[in-house]
């Protein structure tokens, strides 16, 4: 029996890379064959399938920034790969991967599953750019395109904003493997009590709000300590965040970590009291899914992705965008109410097991790929 071949087109960084590794490593490799069309980074490990066989990778000049020459070259090289490899379906990831794949599909006629991983128009910090990015998505949805959303919120965006018909939309929750119990390890010499987050200093993550929360919390709890992980890659606001921390004299209350292995991130989350997020928008954030798998109570802002993972009063609290006072209040409350915090922790783990365990959810993706091979 011939395998079903899927061509993934993407800029493989951040959560998009995590997503791709998780699905390719857990998909049935006796039935499915994956190839990856992206910008190859020799410093990153290769991709392997569930049978631990190497996955073919093809190099194209794909990047987040707009570059007419590089983008057209990426489309041309993608078409060449598609004609050679003859995939049964394309799975395009993020905004740029979606554009390149859907343009290529006009020449190599095949359906494209597009996973936005948070729509690009949500990231624009001006109304004009936001409208432009939305119009681009509205146009490209007509190019052999189906939406494979990472959450119910992303699905609704695709239907209401972008204009997909409901019969061209699928949902596969971002999912991870269960996380084994973390070993006691505190090489960073963190305090006994701390809160944490994972997020690069950027418009999306809105760490400015987080710094304001810590400034306010310090008045009630002078020893409050926040660990911010993942500060290194694509961090346009890093220097301004450092300056804000210094201006508020919070150097002894906040630790920035540029990069560390995922296993070490798990160790830090596992030992934290609370996980927090101040994002303006998300697809379905892996860091919060990991926090649920590690039985953490969370306090997060009300945005796409966050509201799919945290149910207010069940496994954490949801606060309004830039509501510094309420976020500070909820974090302080959870610190001082062990019974409530432990109830939330138990609910977080149960919610993860039911909805975000890739051992259960990978079958849904395999069924979607199967439908496109009919």
Protein backbone atom coordinates (compact mmCIF):
# COMPACT_ATOMS: atom_id res chain seq x y z
CA UNK A 1 0.00 0.00 0.00
CA UNK A 2 1.35 3.44 -0.92
CA UNK A 3 1.83 5.79 1.97
CA UNK A 4 -0.01 9.10 2.16
CA UNK A 5 2.58 11.81 1.64
CA UNK A 6 2.29 15.18 3.41
CA UNK A 7 4.44 18.18 2.50
CA UNK A 8 4.88 20.65 5.36
CA UNK A 9 5.72 24.23 4.34
CA UNK A 10 6.87 26.58 7.08
CA UNK A 11 9.47 28.73 8.78
CA UNK A 12 10.31 26.22 11.52
CA UNK A 13 10.85 28.35 14.62
CA UNK A 14 9.25 28.63 18.04
CA UNK A 15 5.89 26.98 18.66
CA UNK A 16 5.53 26.09 14.96
CA UNK A 17 8.65 23.95 15.19
CA UNK A 18 7.37 22.30 18.38
CA UNK A 19 4.05 21.52 16.64
CA UNK A 20 5.77 19.97 13.62
CA UNK A 21 8.09 17.79 15.70
CA UNK A 22 5.22 16.55 17.85
CA UNK A 23 2.97 15.52 14.96
CA UNK A 24 5.71 13.97 12.81
CA UNK A 25 7.18 12.02 15.73
CA UNK A 26 3.79 10.60 16.77
CA UNK A 27 2.07 9.95 13.42
CA UNK A 28 1.78 6.35 12.17
CA UNK A 29 4.85 6.06 9.93
CA UNK A 30 3.55 2.86 8.31
CA UNK A 31 0.72 4.86 6.72
CA UNK A 32 2.06 8.42 6.45
CA UNK A 33 5.20 9.86 4.92
CA UNK A 34 6.23 13.45 5.70
CA UNK A 35 8.54 15.84 3.92
CA UNK A 36 9.49 19.31 5.22
CA UNK A 37 10.00 22.38 3.04
CA UNK A 38 11.56 25.15 5.11
CA UNK A 39 14.69 27.17 5.77
CA UNK A 40 17.18 24.60 7.06
CA UNK A 41 19.05 25.61 10.19
CA UNK A 42 22.13 23.44 10.61
CA UNK A 43 22.24 24.27 14.32
CA UNK A 44 18.91 22.52 14.91
CA UNK A 45 18.44 18.79 15.14
CA UNK A 46 16.96 16.91 12.18
CA UNK A 47 13.37 15.68 12.07
CA UNK A 48 12.52 12.01 12.63
CA UNK A 49 9.30 10.04 12.27
CA UNK A 50 7.75 7.64 14.76
CA UNK A 51 9.97 4.81 13.48
CA UNK A 52 13.00 7.03 14.15
CA UNK A 53 13.75 7.34 10.43
CA UNK A 54 15.09 10.63 9.08
CA UNK A 55 12.50 12.89 7.41
CA UNK A 56 13.45 14.54 4.11
CA UNK A 57 14.04 18.29 4.41
CA UNK A 58 14.20 20.80 1.54
CA UNK A 59 15.78 24.25 1.86
CA UNK A 60 13.89 27.37 0.74
CA UNK A 61 14.49 31.04 1.69
CA UNK A 62 11.37 31.41 3.84
CA UNK A 63 11.35 34.05 6.58
CA UNK A 64 8.94 36.05 8.72
CA UNK A 65 9.76 39.40 7.08
CA UNK A 66 8.38 40.34 3.65
CA UNK A 67 10.96 40.12 0.87
CA UNK A 68 9.55 39.99 -2.66
CA UNK A 69 12.66 38.36 -4.16
CA UNK A 70 13.08 35.74 -1.42
CA UNK A 71 9.35 35.03 -1.24
CA UNK A 72 9.03 34.47 -4.99
CA UNK A 73 12.14 32.30 -4.93
CA UNK A 74 10.61 30.30 -2.06
CA UNK A 75 7.44 29.74 -4.12
CA UNK A 76 9.46 28.64 -7.16
CA UNK A 77 11.60 26.20 -5.13
CA UNK A 78 8.51 24.86 -3.35
CA UNK A 79 6.87 24.10 -6.71
CA UNK A 80 10.02 22.25 -7.80
CA UNK A 81 9.94 20.10 -4.66
CA UNK A 82 6.22 19.40 -5.00
CA UNK A 83 6.57 18.27 -8.62
CA UNK A 84 9.43 15.98 -7.66
CA UNK A 85 7.96 14.52 -4.45
CA UNK A 86 4.27 14.49 -5.50
CA UNK A 87 2.63 14.84 -2.07
CA UNK A 88 -1.05 14.01 -1.58
CA UNK A 89 -1.66 17.07 0.60
CA UNK A 90 0.20 20.18 1.71
CA UNK A 91 0.12 21.21 5.35
CA UNK A 92 1.12 24.89 5.53
CA UNK A 93 2.05 26.52 8.82
CA UNK A 94 1.82 30.18 9.91
CA UNK A 95 1.15 33.18 7.66
CA UNK A 96 4.22 33.01 5.40
CA UNK A 97 4.07 29.23 5.00
CA UNK A 98 0.40 29.58 4.10
CA UNK A 99 1.06 32.16 1.39
CA UNK A 100 3.94 30.25 -0.20
CA UNK A 101 2.14 26.90 -0.11
CA UNK A 102 -1.12 28.21 -1.53
CA UNK A 103 0.61 30.08 -4.33
CA UNK A 104 2.56 26.90 -5.16
CA UNK A 105 -0.69 24.91 -5.14
CA UNK A 106 -1.92 26.95 -8.11
CA UNK A 107 0.76 25.23 -10.20
CA UNK A 108 0.98 21.88 -8.40
CA UNK A 109 -2.73 21.20 -7.96
CA UNK A 110 -3.25 19.85 -4.46
CA UNK A 111 -5.31 20.83 -1.42
CA UNK A 112 -3.64 22.90 1.28
CA UNK A 113 -4.41 22.56 4.97
CA UNK A 114 -3.44 25.89 6.54
CA UNK A 115 -2.64 26.11 10.25
CA UNK A 116 -2.17 29.82 11.14
CA UNK A 117 -0.72 29.29 14.65
CA UNK A 118 -2.39 32.65 15.50
CA UNK A 119 -3.44 34.75 12.53
CA UNK A 120 -0.91 37.39 11.46
CA UNK A 121 -3.47 40.22 11.41
CA UNK A 122 -3.75 39.84 15.20
CA UNK A 123 -0.05 40.65 15.54
CA UNK A 124 -0.18 44.00 13.76
CA UNK A 125 0.19 46.99 16.07
CA UNK A 126 -1.54 49.35 13.64
CA UNK A 127 -5.07 49.20 12.21
CA UNK A 128 -3.78 49.64 8.66
CA UNK A 129 -1.38 46.68 8.86
CA UNK A 130 -4.01 44.58 10.61
CA UNK A 131 -6.51 45.26 7.83
CA UNK A 132 -3.90 44.52 5.15
CA UNK A 133 -2.94 41.18 6.73
CA UNK A 134 -6.60 40.24 7.12
CA UNK A 135 -7.34 41.04 3.45
CA UNK A 136 -4.39 38.83 2.43
CA UNK A 137 -5.85 35.93 4.43
CA UNK A 138 -9.31 36.56 2.96
CA UNK A 139 -7.90 36.40 -0.57
CA UNK A 140 -5.65 33.37 -0.03
CA UNK A 141 -8.41 31.30 1.58
CA UNK A 142 -9.73 30.83 -1.98
CA UNK A 143 -6.51 29.15 -3.18
CA UNK A 144 -7.17 25.41 -2.62
CA UNK A 145 -7.28 26.22 1.08
CA UNK A 146 -8.80 24.52 4.11
CA UNK A 147 -8.33 25.76 7.66
CA UNK A 148 -6.83 23.40 10.24
CA UNK A 149 -7.17 25.48 13.40
CA UNK A 150 -5.22 24.84 16.60
CA UNK A 151 -8.14 25.83 18.83
CA UNK A 152 -11.84 26.67 18.83
CA UNK A 153 -10.93 30.36 19.03
CA UNK A 154 -8.79 30.10 15.90
CA UNK A 155 -11.59 28.23 14.16
CA UNK A 156 -14.05 31.05 14.94
CA UNK A 157 -11.56 33.64 13.66
CA UNK A 158 -11.27 31.68 10.42
CA UNK A 159 -15.03 31.55 9.93
CA UNK A 160 -16.08 35.01 11.15
CA UNK A 161 -13.09 37.16 10.13
CA UNK A 162 -11.38 35.36 7.25
CA UNK A 163 -14.59 34.00 5.74
CA UNK A 164 -14.03 30.23 5.55
CA UNK A 165 -17.20 28.20 5.12
CA UNK A 166 -17.77 25.78 8.00
CA UNK A 167 -17.30 22.72 5.78
CA UNK A 168 -13.72 23.85 5.01
CA UNK A 169 -12.65 24.12 8.64
CA UNK A 170 -11.14 21.50 10.95
CA UNK A 171 -9.80 21.73 14.50
CA UNK A 172 -6.90 19.87 16.03
CA UNK A 173 -5.99 21.18 19.47
CA UNK A 174 -2.27 21.72 19.94
CA UNK A 175 -1.27 18.68 21.94
CA UNK A 176 1.79 17.31 23.71
CA UNK A 177 2.99 14.09 25.24
CA UNK A 178 2.35 13.68 28.98
CA UNK A 179 5.25 15.09 30.96
CA UNK A 180 6.96 12.76 33.40
CA UNK A 181 7.45 13.84 37.00
CA UNK A 182 10.25 16.38 37.14
CA UNK A 183 13.34 15.67 39.19
CA UNK A 184 14.32 18.07 41.95
CA UNK A 185 16.76 20.49 40.37
CA UNK A 186 17.45 24.14 41.12
CA UNK A 187 20.71 24.92 39.36
CA UNK A 188 19.58 28.51 38.87
CA UNK A 189 19.21 28.95 42.63
CA UNK A 190 15.69 30.22 42.40
CA UNK A 191 13.72 31.15 45.52
CA UNK A 192 11.50 28.54 47.16
CA UNK A 193 8.44 30.46 45.96
CA UNK A 194 8.18 31.96 42.49
CA UNK A 195 5.86 32.36 39.51
CA UNK A 196 6.87 31.88 35.91
CA UNK A 197 6.10 32.38 32.24
CA UNK A 198 7.52 31.51 28.81
CA UNK A 199 7.46 34.27 26.23
CA UNK A 200 9.67 36.47 24.13
CA UNK A 201 9.51 40.24 24.71
CA UNK A 202 7.20 41.24 21.86
CA UNK A 203 3.91 42.96 21.09
CA UNK A 204 2.16 39.57 21.24
CA UNK A 205 3.34 38.58 24.71
CA UNK A 206 2.85 42.06 26.23
CA UNK A 207 5.51 41.59 28.92
CA UNK A 208 5.18 45.28 29.72
CA UNK A 209 1.90 44.40 31.46
CA UNK A 210 3.65 41.59 33.33
CA UNK A 211 6.31 43.98 34.67
CA UNK A 212 3.56 46.35 35.84
CA UNK A 213 1.89 43.42 37.64
CA UNK A 214 5.10 42.55 39.47
CA UNK A 215 5.64 46.20 40.39
CA UNK A 216 2.17 46.26 41.99
CA UNK A 217 2.54 42.83 43.62
CA UNK A 218 5.80 43.87 45.25
CA UNK A 219 3.89 46.32 47.44
CA UNK A 220 1.91 43.43 48.97
CA UNK A 221 4.56 40.74 48.67
CA UNK A 222 8.09 42.25 48.67
CA UNK A 223 9.74 38.91 47.86
CA UNK A 224 7.62 38.17 44.78
CA UNK A 225 9.80 36.55 42.13
CA UNK A 226 9.06 36.05 38.43
CA UNK A 227 11.02 33.83 36.04
CA UNK A 228 10.61 34.75 32.35
CA UNK A 229 11.93 32.04 29.99
CA UNK A 230 12.44 32.13 26.21
CA UNK A 231 13.66 35.71 26.01
CA UNK A 232 16.28 35.10 23.32
CA UNK A 233 14.70 34.27 19.94
CA UNK A 234 12.88 36.98 17.94
CA UNK A 235 12.61 39.36 20.88
CA UNK A 236 12.12 42.89 19.51
CA UNK A 237 11.21 44.40 22.90
CA UNK A 238 13.98 42.80 24.96
CA UNK A 239 15.97 45.96 25.65
CA UNK A 240 12.89 48.01 26.55
CA UNK A 241 11.78 45.28 28.96
CA UNK A 242 15.20 45.29 30.62
CA UNK A 243 15.04 49.08 30.91
CA UNK A 244 11.56 48.89 32.50
CA UNK A 245 12.74 46.33 35.05
CA UNK A 246 15.64 48.61 35.95
CA UNK A 247 13.45 51.72 36.11
CA UNK A 248 11.09 50.00 38.56
CA UNK A 249 14.01 48.57 40.60
CA UNK A 250 12.80 45.01 40.06
CA UNK A 251 16.20 43.44 39.30
CA UNK A 252 15.89 41.28 42.43
CA UNK A 253 12.32 40.24 41.62
CA UNK A 254 12.56 39.20 37.96
CA UNK A 255 14.92 36.80 36.21
CA UNK A 256 15.18 36.74 32.40
CA UNK A 257 16.39 33.49 30.80
CA UNK A 258 17.30 33.74 27.13
CA UNK A 259 17.25 30.05 26.24
CA UNK A 260 17.16 26.64 27.91
CA UNK A 261 16.24 23.08 26.97
CA UNK A 262 12.55 22.17 27.19
CA UNK A 263 13.22 19.64 29.93
CA UNK A 264 14.72 22.39 32.09
CA UNK A 265 11.78 24.65 31.33
CA UNK A 266 9.51 21.85 32.58
CA UNK A 267 11.53 21.68 35.80
CA UNK A 268 11.07 25.40 36.43
CA UNK A 269 7.33 25.31 35.64
CA UNK A 270 6.90 22.22 37.80
CA UNK A 271 8.36 23.93 40.88
CA UNK A 272 6.56 27.25 40.36
CA UNK A 273 3.52 28.28 42.38
CA UNK A 274 1.60 29.74 39.43
CA UNK A 275 2.00 30.08 35.65
CA UNK A 276 1.02 33.46 34.14
CA UNK A 277 0.45 34.89 30.66
CA UNK A 278 -0.22 38.48 29.53
CA UNK A 279 -0.56 37.73 25.81
CA UNK A 280 -2.62 39.89 23.49
CA UNK A 281 -3.30 36.91 21.21
CA UNK A 282 -2.26 33.25 20.80
CA UNK A 283 -2.95 30.22 18.64
CA UNK A 284 -3.01 27.62 21.41
CA UNK A 285 0.12 28.22 23.53
CA UNK A 286 2.28 25.19 24.27
CA UNK A 287 3.66 26.75 27.42
CA UNK A 288 0.20 26.81 29.01
CA UNK A 289 -0.58 23.29 27.77
CA UNK A 290 2.69 22.17 29.41
CA UNK A 291 1.64 23.96 32.59
CA UNK A 292 -1.65 22.05 32.59
CA UNK A 293 0.24 18.78 32.08
CA UNK A 294 2.42 19.74 35.06
CA UNK A 295 -0.65 20.49 37.20
CA UNK A 296 -0.26 24.26 37.49
CA UNK A 297 -2.87 26.86 38.37
CA UNK A 298 -2.70 29.74 35.87
CA UNK A 299 -3.58 33.41 35.71
CA UNK A 300 -3.86 34.65 32.10
CA UNK A 301 -5.25 37.45 29.97
CA UNK A 302 -8.47 37.00 28.02
CA UNK A 303 -7.36 36.30 24.44
CA UNK A 304 -7.59 33.62 21.76
CA UNK A 305 -5.76 30.51 22.89
CA UNK A 306 -5.60 31.45 26.55
CA UNK A 307 -9.36 31.24 26.95
CA UNK A 308 -9.35 27.79 25.29
CA UNK A 309 -7.02 26.46 27.98
CA UNK A 310 -8.00 28.26 31.17
CA UNK A 311 -11.54 28.19 32.51
CA UNK A 312 -12.09 31.00 34.98
CA UNK A 313 -12.53 29.64 38.50
CA UNK A 314 -11.84 26.04 37.37
CA UNK A 315 -8.09 25.76 36.69
CA UNK A 316 -7.11 29.39 37.05
CA UNK A 317 -8.28 32.93 36.44
CA UNK A 318 -8.81 35.01 33.29
CA UNK A 319 -8.38 38.78 33.46
CA UNK A 320 -8.96 41.53 30.93
CA UNK A 321 -6.27 42.88 28.64
CA UNK A 322 -4.04 45.28 30.59
CA UNK A 323 -6.04 44.79 33.81
CA UNK A 324 -2.94 45.01 35.98
CA UNK A 325 -4.89 45.42 39.22
CA UNK A 326 -7.01 42.28 38.77
CA UNK A 327 -4.09 40.11 37.66
CA UNK A 328 -2.08 41.23 40.67
CA UNK A 329 -5.04 40.50 42.93
CA UNK A 330 -5.63 36.99 41.52
CA UNK A 331 -1.96 36.00 41.75
CA UNK A 332 -1.80 37.23 45.34
CA UNK A 333 -5.01 35.36 46.18
CA UNK A 334 -3.69 32.06 44.82
CA UNK A 335 -0.44 32.46 46.72
CA UNK A 336 -2.37 32.81 49.97
CA UNK A 337 -5.06 30.15 49.36
CA UNK A 338 -3.45 26.75 49.14
CA UNK A 339 -6.74 24.83 48.98
CA UNK A 340 -7.99 26.79 45.96
CA UNK A 341 -4.61 26.56 44.26
CA UNK A 342 -4.43 22.78 44.75
CA UNK A 343 -7.99 22.35 43.42
CA UNK A 344 -7.02 24.30 40.30
CA UNK A 345 -3.86 22.21 39.93
CA UNK A 346 -5.85 18.98 39.93
CA UNK A 347 -8.35 20.40 37.43
CA UNK A 348 -5.53 21.55 35.15
CA UNK A 349 -4.11 18.06 34.86
CA UNK A 350 -7.54 16.51 34.24
CA UNK A 351 -8.28 19.10 31.54
CA UNK A 352 -4.97 18.33 29.85
CA UNK A 353 -5.59 14.58 29.83
CA UNK A 354 -9.03 15.01 28.33
CA UNK A 355 -8.20 17.55 25.61
CA UNK A 356 -4.49 18.02 24.88
CA UNK A 357 -2.78 14.63 25.09
CA UNK A 358 -1.23 13.94 21.68
CA UNK A 359 -1.40 10.17 22.21
CA UNK A 360 -5.17 10.56 21.91
CA UNK A 361 -5.37 13.47 19.47
CA UNK A 362 -2.92 12.29 16.79
CA UNK A 363 -5.64 9.98 15.43
CA UNK A 364 -7.77 13.04 14.63
CA UNK A 365 -5.00 14.47 12.48
CA UNK A 366 -4.43 11.13 10.74
CA UNK A 367 -8.16 11.00 9.90
CA UNK A 368 -8.02 14.52 8.44
CA UNK A 369 -5.04 13.59 6.24
CA UNK A 370 -6.85 10.41 5.20
CA UNK A 371 -9.90 12.42 4.08
CA UNK A 372 -7.69 14.50 1.79
CA UNK A 373 -6.34 11.40 0.12
CA UNK A 374 -9.76 10.21 -1.06
